[in-house]
Protein backbone atom coordinates (compact mmCIF):
# COMPACT_ATOMS: atom_id res chain seq x y z
CA UNK A 1 -2.47 41.82 6.04
CA UNK A 2 0.05 39.28 4.67
CA UNK A 3 -1.21 36.74 2.19
CA UNK A 4 -0.04 33.16 1.93
CA UNK A 5 0.63 31.65 -1.43
CA UNK A 6 0.74 27.98 -2.17
CA UNK A 7 3.83 26.73 -3.89
CA UNK A 8 3.12 24.16 -6.59
CA UNK A 9 4.19 20.70 -5.55
CA UNK A 10 6.05 19.04 -8.41
CA UNK A 11 5.41 15.48 -7.24
CA UNK A 12 2.95 12.92 -8.55
CA UNK A 13 1.73 11.54 -5.24
CA UNK A 14 1.93 12.31 -1.51
CA UNK A 15 2.86 9.32 0.69
CA UNK A 16 0.85 9.53 3.91
CA UNK A 17 1.96 7.02 6.54
CA UNK A 18 2.54 6.23 10.18
CA UNK A 19 6.25 6.74 10.93
CA UNK A 20 6.34 3.18 12.32
CA UNK A 21 5.62 1.93 8.79
CA UNK A 22 8.49 3.91 7.25
CA UNK A 23 10.48 0.79 6.13
CA UNK A 24 7.54 -0.49 4.04
CA UNK A 25 6.76 2.95 2.63
CA UNK A 26 10.40 3.61 1.76
CA UNK A 27 10.48 0.42 -0.35
CA UNK A 28 7.27 1.34 -2.14
CA UNK A 29 8.57 4.88 -2.76
CA UNK A 30 11.69 3.43 -4.39
CA UNK A 31 9.54 1.22 -6.64
CA UNK A 32 7.41 4.22 -7.64
CA UNK A 33 10.54 6.18 -8.57
CA UNK A 34 11.72 3.31 -10.79
CA UNK A 35 8.33 3.48 -12.54
CA UNK A 36 8.89 7.22 -13.11
CA UNK A 37 6.24 8.21 -10.57
CA UNK A 38 7.61 10.97 -8.37
CA UNK A 39 6.56 10.35 -4.75
CA UNK A 40 6.67 12.94 -1.98
CA UNK A 41 8.18 11.19 1.04
CA UNK A 42 8.81 13.30 4.12
CA UNK A 43 12.32 12.05 4.89
CA UNK A 44 13.41 12.75 1.31
CA UNK A 45 11.81 16.16 0.92
CA UNK A 46 11.71 18.02 4.25
CA UNK A 47 14.73 20.25 4.88
CA UNK A 48 16.29 19.63 8.32
CA UNK A 49 15.09 22.11 10.91
CA UNK A 50 12.26 23.37 8.70
CA UNK A 51 8.71 24.07 9.76
CA UNK A 52 7.63 20.75 8.27
CA UNK A 53 3.91 21.29 8.82
CA UNK A 54 4.03 24.24 6.40
CA UNK A 55 5.81 22.16 3.75
CA UNK A 56 3.23 19.38 4.05
CA UNK A 57 0.36 21.88 3.91
CA UNK A 58 1.75 23.45 0.73
CA UNK A 59 2.26 20.07 -0.89
CA UNK A 60 -1.22 18.80 -0.04
CA UNK A 61 -2.62 22.03 -1.45
CA UNK A 62 -1.26 21.39 -4.92
CA UNK A 63 -0.37 17.71 -5.38
CA UNK A 64 -2.58 15.60 -7.69
CA UNK A 65 -2.92 12.34 -5.70
CA UNK A 66 -2.13 10.70 -2.39
CA UNK A 67 -1.48 7.21 -1.12
CA UNK A 68 -2.50 6.50 2.48
CA UNK A 69 -0.65 3.54 3.98
CA UNK A 70 -2.02 1.65 6.98
CA UNK A 71 -0.07 -1.10 8.72
CA UNK A 72 -0.35 -3.04 11.98
CA UNK A 73 0.04 0.14 14.04
CA UNK A 74 -2.96 1.83 12.42
CA UNK A 75 -2.78 5.52 11.68
CA UNK A 76 -0.32 7.72 13.56
CA UNK A 77 -1.26 11.01 15.26
CA UNK A 78 0.17 13.29 12.55
CA UNK A 79 -1.00 10.93 9.85
CA UNK A 80 -4.56 11.42 11.11
CA UNK A 81 -4.20 15.20 10.57
CA UNK A 82 -2.77 14.61 7.09
CA UNK A 83 -5.68 12.31 6.19
CA UNK A 84 -8.21 14.94 7.29
CA UNK A 85 -6.43 17.60 5.23
CA UNK A 86 -6.24 15.30 2.20
CA UNK A 87 -9.94 14.42 2.38
CA UNK A 88 -10.95 18.08 2.65
CA UNK A 89 -8.60 19.36 -0.06
CA UNK A 90 -9.08 16.49 -2.48
CA UNK A 91 -12.87 16.56 -2.25
CA UNK A 92 -12.74 20.17 -3.47
CA UNK A 93 -10.34 19.38 -6.32
CA UNK A 94 -11.52 15.87 -7.24
CA UNK A 95 -8.13 14.23 -6.64
CA UNK A 96 -7.77 10.51 -5.87
CA UNK A 97 -6.71 9.10 -2.51
CA UNK A 98 -5.49 5.52 -2.73
CA UNK A 99 -5.66 3.37 0.40
CA UNK A 100 -2.93 0.74 0.73
CA UNK A 101 -3.13 -1.84 3.49
CA UNK A 102 0.41 -2.99 4.20
CA UNK A 103 1.12 -6.74 4.54
CA UNK A 104 1.18 -6.46 8.34
CA UNK A 105 -2.12 -4.55 8.60
CA UNK A 106 -4.98 -5.86 10.68
CA UNK A 107 -7.72 -7.57 8.73
CA UNK A 108 -10.13 -4.69 9.35
CA UNK A 109 -8.16 -1.65 10.51
CA UNK A 110 -10.01 1.27 12.05
CA UNK A 111 -10.11 3.98 9.40
CA UNK A 112 -11.83 7.34 8.95
CA UNK A 113 -15.30 6.84 7.47
CA UNK A 114 -14.60 8.74 4.25
CA UNK A 115 -11.30 7.01 3.57
């Protein structure tokens, strides 16, 4: 039976976001890089034509922190899966998840209970 191995993610933080909020997140990612914090942003790190879900799974399995961004559109469908994976994985490893409400976010956005 084949075994799967997790590749170590060499980034400081995983940027979890709704694709509709990409312009905001891109700006924040650039600021983090200037501060010498290495963010994992999908459009920068996923090879074209790759099985991107596998790359994200491997990264979540070894990265040390995550930032979850929520804007006016709430959480996106894939973002919801990422949040669930982050909560499960990070609870086991004691890693921080930082919630960032973007400037255009609703006053009280609907969020998963444990986020």
